[in-house]
C-alpha atoms as a PDB file:
ATOM      1  CA  MET A   1      -9.956 -33.077  19.491  1.00  0.00           C
ATOM      2  CA  LYS A   2      -7.182 -35.524  18.924  1.00  0.00           C
ATOM      3  CA  ILE A   3      -6.458 -37.586  15.652  1.00  0.00           C
ATOM      4  CA  PRO A   4      -5.575 -41.289  15.852  1.00  0.00           C
ATOM      5  CA  GLY A   5      -1.994 -41.854  14.893  1.00  0.00           C
ATOM      6  CA  PRO A   6       0.965 -44.115  15.488  1.00  0.00           C
ATOM      7  CA  ASP A   7       1.125 -43.015  19.309  1.00  0.00           C
ATOM      8  CA  HIS A   8      -2.607 -43.899  19.733  1.00  0.00           C
ATOM      9  CA  PRO A   9      -3.923 -45.989  16.822  1.00  0.00           C
ATOM     10  CA  ILE A  10      -7.656 -46.487  16.308  1.00  0.00           C
ATOM     11  CA  THR A  11      -9.003 -48.819  13.569  1.00  0.00           C
ATOM     12  CA  ILE A  12     -12.634 -49.549  12.625  1.00  0.00           C
ATOM     13  CA  THR A  13     -13.367 -52.471  10.570  1.00  0.00           C
ATOM     14  CA  PRO A  14     -16.605 -54.413   9.624  1.00  0.00           C
ATOM     15  CA  ALA A  15     -17.089 -57.484  11.768  1.00  0.00           C
ATOM     16  CA  LYS A  16     -16.392 -60.719   9.911  1.00  0.00           C
ATOM     17  CA  THR A  17     -19.177 -62.597  11.700  1.00  0.00           C
ATOM     18  CA  ARG A  18     -22.661 -61.832  13.155  1.00  0.00           C
ATOM     19  CA  TRP A  19     -22.605 -60.510  16.704  1.00  0.00           C
ATOM     20  CA  ARG A  20     -25.296 -60.382  19.498  1.00  0.00           C
ATOM     21  CA  ALA A  21     -25.818 -58.756  22.699  1.00  0.00           C
ATOM     22  CA  LEU A  22     -27.557 -60.552  25.515  1.00  0.00           C
ATOM     23  CA  PHE A  23     -29.095 -59.025  28.696  1.00  0.00           C
ATOM     24  CA  GLU A  24     -30.982 -61.045  31.242  1.00  0.00           C
ATOM     25  CA  ASN A  25     -31.171 -64.000  28.784  1.00  0.00           C
ATOM     26  CA  HIS A  26     -32.679 -61.884  26.015  1.00  0.00           C
ATOM     27  CA  VAL A  27     -31.006 -60.937  22.735  1.00  0.00           C
ATOM     28  CA  ILE A  28     -31.212 -57.192  22.647  1.00  0.00           C
ATOM     29  CA  ALA A  29     -28.900 -56.796  19.677  1.00  0.00           C
ATOM     30  CA  ASP A  30     -28.272 -58.918  16.620  1.00  0.00           C
ATOM     31  CA  SER A  31     -26.255 -57.784  13.626  1.00  0.00           C
ATOM     32  CA  GLY A  32     -24.425 -58.923  10.615  1.00  0.00           C
ATOM     33  CA  GLN A  33     -23.229 -55.273  10.088  1.00  0.00           C
ATOM     34  CA  ALA A  34     -21.430 -54.629  13.433  1.00  0.00           C
ATOM     35  CA  LEU A  35     -18.147 -52.676  13.497  1.00  0.00           C
ATOM     36  CA  VAL A  36     -15.121 -53.563  15.572  1.00  0.00           C
ATOM     37  CA  LEU A  37     -13.228 -50.667  16.862  1.00  0.00           C
ATOM     38  CA  LYS A  38      -9.629 -51.366  18.091  1.00  0.00           C
ATOM     39  CA  GLU A  39      -8.123 -48.561  20.101  1.00  0.00           C
ATOM     40  CA  ALA A  40      -4.487 -48.610  21.183  1.00  0.00           C
ATOM     41  CA  ALA A  41      -3.910 -51.227  23.756  1.00  0.00           C
ATOM     42  CA  TYR A  42      -7.548 -51.502  24.875  1.00  0.00           C
ATOM     43  CA  LYS A  43      -9.687 -54.584  24.151  1.00  0.00           C
ATOM     44  CA  PRO A  44     -11.662 -54.431  20.871  1.00  0.00           C
ATOM     45  CA  VAL A  45     -15.214 -53.012  21.138  1.00  0.00           C
ATOM     46  CA  VAL A  46     -18.151 -54.157  18.999  1.00  0.00           C
ATOM     47  CA  TYR A  47     -20.406 -51.251  17.762  1.00  0.00           C
ATOM     48  CA  PHE A  48     -23.933 -52.427  16.594  1.00  0.00           C
ATOM     49  CA  PRO A  49     -26.078 -50.416  14.224  1.00  0.00           C
ATOM     50  CA  ARG A  50     -28.918 -48.764  16.112  1.00  0.00           C
ATOM     51  CA  GLU A  51     -31.383 -50.364  13.794  1.00  0.00           C
ATOM     52  CA  ASP A  52     -30.229 -53.768  14.978  1.00  0.00           C
ATOM     53  CA  VAL A  53     -30.571 -53.014  18.606  1.00  0.00           C
ATOM     54  CA  SER A  54     -33.904 -53.420  20.555  1.00  0.00           C
ATOM     55  CA  MET A  55     -34.064 -49.677  21.596  1.00  0.00           C
ATOM     56  CA  GLU A  56     -37.512 -50.166  23.226  1.00  0.00           C
ATOM     57  CA  PHE A  57     -35.776 -51.754  26.303  1.00  0.00           C
ATOM     58  CA  MET A  58     -33.382 -48.640  26.727  1.00  0.00           C
ATOM     59  CA  SER A  59     -33.668 -45.209  28.112  1.00  0.00           C
ATOM     60  CA  LYS A  60     -31.228 -42.482  27.663  1.00  0.00           C
ATOM     61  CA  THR A  61     -29.593 -41.194  30.865  1.00  0.00           C
ATOM     62  CA  ASP A  62     -27.931 -37.977  31.806  1.00  0.00           C
ATOM     63  CA  ARG A  63     -24.498 -39.403  31.906  1.00  0.00           C
ATOM     64  CA  VAL A  64     -22.018 -38.083  29.182  1.00  0.00           C
ATOM     65  CA  THR A  65     -18.256 -38.819  29.085  1.00  0.00           C
ATOM     66  CA  HIS A  66     -15.631 -37.309  26.733  1.00  0.00           C
ATOM     67  CA  CYS A  67     -12.973 -39.069  24.708  1.00  0.00           C
ATOM     68  CA  PRO A  68     -10.546 -36.859  23.054  1.00  0.00           C
ATOM     69  CA  TYR A  69     -10.370 -39.066  20.006  1.00  0.00           C
ATOM     70  CA  LYS A  70     -14.101 -40.086  19.535  1.00  0.00           C
ATOM     71  CA  GLY A  71     -16.048 -37.123  21.106  1.00  0.00           C
ATOM     72  CA  ASP A  72     -18.836 -37.103  23.662  1.00  0.00           C
ATOM     73  CA  ALA A  73     -20.518 -40.500  24.585  1.00  0.00           C
ATOM     74  CA  SER A  74     -24.245 -40.553  25.606  1.00  0.00           C
ATOM     75  CA  TYR A  75     -25.344 -43.479  27.781  1.00  0.00           C
ATOM     76  CA  TYR A  76     -28.434 -45.623  27.997  1.00  0.00           C
ATOM     77  CA  THR A  77     -29.842 -47.974  30.747  1.00  0.00           C
ATOM     78  CA  VAL A  78     -31.449 -51.170  29.728  1.00  0.00           C
ATOM     79  CA  LEU A  79     -34.461 -52.474  31.610  1.00  0.00           C
ATOM     80  CA  MET A  80     -35.646 -56.090  31.075  1.00  0.00           C
ATOM     81  CA  ASP A  81     -37.737 -58.243  33.247  1.00  0.00           C
ATOM     82  CA  GLY A  82     -37.528 -55.687  36.053  1.00  0.00           C
ATOM     83  CA  ARG A  83     -33.709 -55.605  36.081  1.00  0.00           C
ATOM     84  CA  PHE A  84     -31.624 -52.640  35.178  1.00  0.00           C
ATOM     85  CA  GLY A  85     -28.301 -52.484  33.391  1.00  0.00           C
ATOM     86  CA  GLU A  86     -27.532 -48.876  34.404  1.00  0.00           C
ATOM     87  CA  ASN A  87     -25.493 -46.979  31.850  1.00  0.00           C
ATOM     88  CA  SER A  88     -24.554 -50.232  30.238  1.00  0.00           C
ATOM     89  CA  VAL A  89     -24.805 -48.854  26.608  1.00  0.00           C
ATOM     90  CA  TRP A  90     -23.018 -45.958  24.980  1.00  0.00           C
ATOM     91  CA  SER A  91     -23.127 -44.165  21.662  1.00  0.00           C
ATOM     92  CA  TYR A  92     -21.124 -41.483  20.091  1.00  0.00           C
ATOM     93  CA  GLU A  93     -24.051 -39.597  18.524  1.00  0.00           C
ATOM     94  CA  GLU A  94     -21.901 -36.702  17.199  1.00  0.00           C
ATOM     95  CA  PRO A  95     -18.406 -38.400  16.763  1.00  0.00           C
ATOM     96  CA  PHE A  96     -15.404 -36.417  15.669  1.00  0.00           C
ATOM     97  CA  PRO A  97     -14.800 -36.542  11.981  1.00  0.00           C
ATOM     98  CA  ALA A  98     -12.145 -39.261  12.232  1.00  0.00           C
ATOM     99  CA  MET A  99     -14.615 -41.626  13.913  1.00  0.00           C
ATOM    100  CA  GLU A 100     -17.603 -40.922  11.708  1.00  0.00           C
ATOM    101  CA  GLN A 101     -18.162 -44.659  11.090  1.00  0.00           C
ATOM    102  CA  ILE A 102     -19.491 -45.200  14.483  1.00  0.00           C
ATOM    103  CA  ARG A 103     -22.188 -42.605  14.168  1.00  0.00           C
ATOM    104  CA  GLY A 104     -25.533 -44.386  14.671  1.00  0.00           C
ATOM    105  CA  HIS A 105     -23.901 -47.319  16.374  1.00  0.00           C
ATOM    106  CA  LEU A 106     -24.142 -48.417  20.056  1.00  0.00           C
ATOM    107  CA  ALA A 107     -21.610 -50.438  22.218  1.00  0.00           C
ATOM    108  CA  PHE A 108     -22.208 -52.394  25.460  1.00  0.00           C
ATOM    109  CA  TYR A 109     -20.114 -52.814  28.539  1.00  0.00           C
ATOM    110  CA  PRO A 110     -19.221 -56.502  28.549  1.00  0.00           C
ATOM    111  CA  ASP A 111     -19.523 -56.727  32.372  1.00  0.00           C
ATOM    112  CA  LYS A 112     -23.135 -55.708  32.142  1.00  0.00           C
ATOM    113  CA  VAL A 113     -24.242 -57.130  28.698  1.00  0.00           C
ATOM    114  CA  GLU A 114     -22.751 -60.322  27.129  1.00  0.00           C
ATOM    115  CA  VAL A 115     -21.548 -59.551  23.565  1.00  0.00           C
ATOM    116  CA  TYR A 116     -20.763 -62.557  21.532  1.00  0.00           C
ATOM    117  CA  GLU A 117     -20.113 -63.824  18.029  1.00  0.00           C
ATOM    118  CA  VAL A 118     -22.596 -66.056  16.329  1.00  0.00           C
ATOM    119  CA  GLU A 119     -22.012 -68.200  13.212  1.00  0.00           C
ATOM    120  CA  ASP A 120     -24.278 -67.247  10.420  1.00  0.00           C
ATOM    121  CA  ALA A 121     -25.031 -71.005   9.785  1.00  0.00           C
ATOM    122  CA  ALA A 122     -26.340 -71.358  13.466  1.00  0.00           C
ATOM    123  CA  VAL A 123     -28.644 -68.291  12.894  1.00  0.00           C
ATOM    124  CA  ALA A 124     -29.898 -69.665   9.600  1.00  0.00           C
ATOM    125  CA  SER A 125     -30.764 -73.030  11.424  1.00  0.00           C
ATOM    126  CA  GLN A 126     -32.590 -71.128  14.144  1.00  0.00           C
ATOM    127  CA  ALA A 127     -34.498 -68.965  11.400  1.00  0.00           C
ATOM    128  CA  GLN A 128     -36.717 -72.002  10.974  1.00  0.00           C
ATOM    129  CA  ARG A 129     -37.906 -71.514  14.536  1.00  0.00           C
ATOM    130  CA  THR A 130     -39.282 -68.010  13.891  1.00  0.00           C
ATOM    131  CA  ASP A 131     -42.934 -68.968  14.497  1.00  0.00           C
ATOM    132  CA  ILE A 132     -41.962 -70.520  17.840  1.00  0.00           C
ATOM    133  CA  ASP A 133     -39.816 -67.480  18.749  1.00  0.00           C
ATOM    134  CA  GLU A 134     -42.475 -65.022  17.864  1.00  0.00           C
ATOM    135  CA  ALA A 135     -44.967 -66.930  20.068  1.00  0.00           C
ATOM    136  CA  ILE A 136     -42.561 -66.927  22.905  1.00  0.00           C
ATOM    137  CA  LEU A 137     -42.328 -63.207  22.673  1.00  0.00           C
ATOM    138  CA  HIS A 138     -45.983 -62.900  23.391  1.00  0.00           C
ATOM    139  CA  THR A 139     -45.953 -65.123  26.510  1.00  0.00           C
ATOM    140  CA  ASP A 140     -45.289 -64.469  30.051  1.00  0.00           C
ATOM    141  CA  ALA A 141     -41.946 -62.577  30.729  1.00  0.00           C
ATOM    142  CA  GLY A 142     -41.583 -64.339  34.177  1.00  0.00           C
ATOM    143  CA  ASP A 143     -43.004 -61.399  36.007  1.00  0.00           C
ATOM    144  CA  GLY A 144     -46.668 -61.879  35.081  1.00  0.00           C
ATOM    145  CA  THR A 145     -46.465 -59.522  32.076  1.00  0.00           C
ATOM    146  CA  SER A 146     -46.092 -60.199  28.377  1.00  0.00           C
ATOM    147  CA  GLN A 147     -42.706 -59.607  26.785  1.00  0.00           C
ATOM    148  CA  ARG A 148     -44.587 -58.062  23.898  1.00  0.00           C
ATOM    149  CA  PRO A 149     -48.261 -56.837  23.636  1.00  0.00           C
ATOM    150  CA  HIS A 150     -50.790 -59.654  23.061  1.00  0.00           C
ATOM    151  CA  TRP A 151     -51.840 -60.272  19.434  1.00  0.00           C
ATOM    152  CA  PRO A 152     -55.153 -59.125  18.413  1.00  0.00           C
ATOM    153  CA  PRO A 153     -57.813 -61.840  18.271  1.00  0.00           C
ATOM    154  CA  ASN A 154     -58.041 -63.502  14.790  1.00  0.00           C
ATOM    155  CA  VAL A 155     -61.486 -64.914  15.543  1.00  0.00           C
ATOM    156  CA  SER A 156     -64.753 -63.304  16.724  1.00  0.00           C
ATOM    157  CA  GLU A 157     -67.088 -64.359  19.414  1.00  0.00           C
ATOM    158  CA  PRO A 158     -69.905 -66.688  18.391  1.00  0.00           C
ATOM    159  CA  PRO A 159     -73.290 -65.055  18.281  1.00  0.00           C
ATOM    160  CA  PRO A 160     -75.489 -65.804  21.215  1.00  0.00           C
ATOM    161  CA  PRO A 161     -78.030 -68.523  20.797  1.00  0.00           C
ATOM    162  CA  VAL A 162     -81.374 -67.458  19.303  1.00  0.00           C
ATOM    163  CA  GLY A 163     -83.945 -66.717  22.062  1.00  0.00           C
ATOM    164  CA  GLU A 164     -81.520 -65.357  24.615  1.00  0.00           C
END
């Protein structure tokens, strides 16, 4: 285990804006509580709290990698609309003590999942569309199946006519 320092700095800061992750035109993560990890000369990485990620579209794989500064990374494959993003998500489920902040967070490979900033004002204006968005989630996903289970009926069948 190595400790970040001047020769290999790692900083973790709360994101200043809301972040989203998009896979196959579906938002699979949306968070106002994301963390930005900057490590040495690497590009910054956005880590999403697990509770802000649609885990129902992910399955854990056998892949594990080791970082001497962060620990062992576990990987997930995303399945959406019949398409796979193999090992496109990672998480340090038992990070080293210096990286404890990223426990319970996930990150996405930007070449497989689009990660982008969203202005809170833009999200607020879209919040008025929640009824429409909710309805869309219960419609055809493009492959003949629903994106989410159908709603239970909110009316009952009329009784049969008398005499039948």
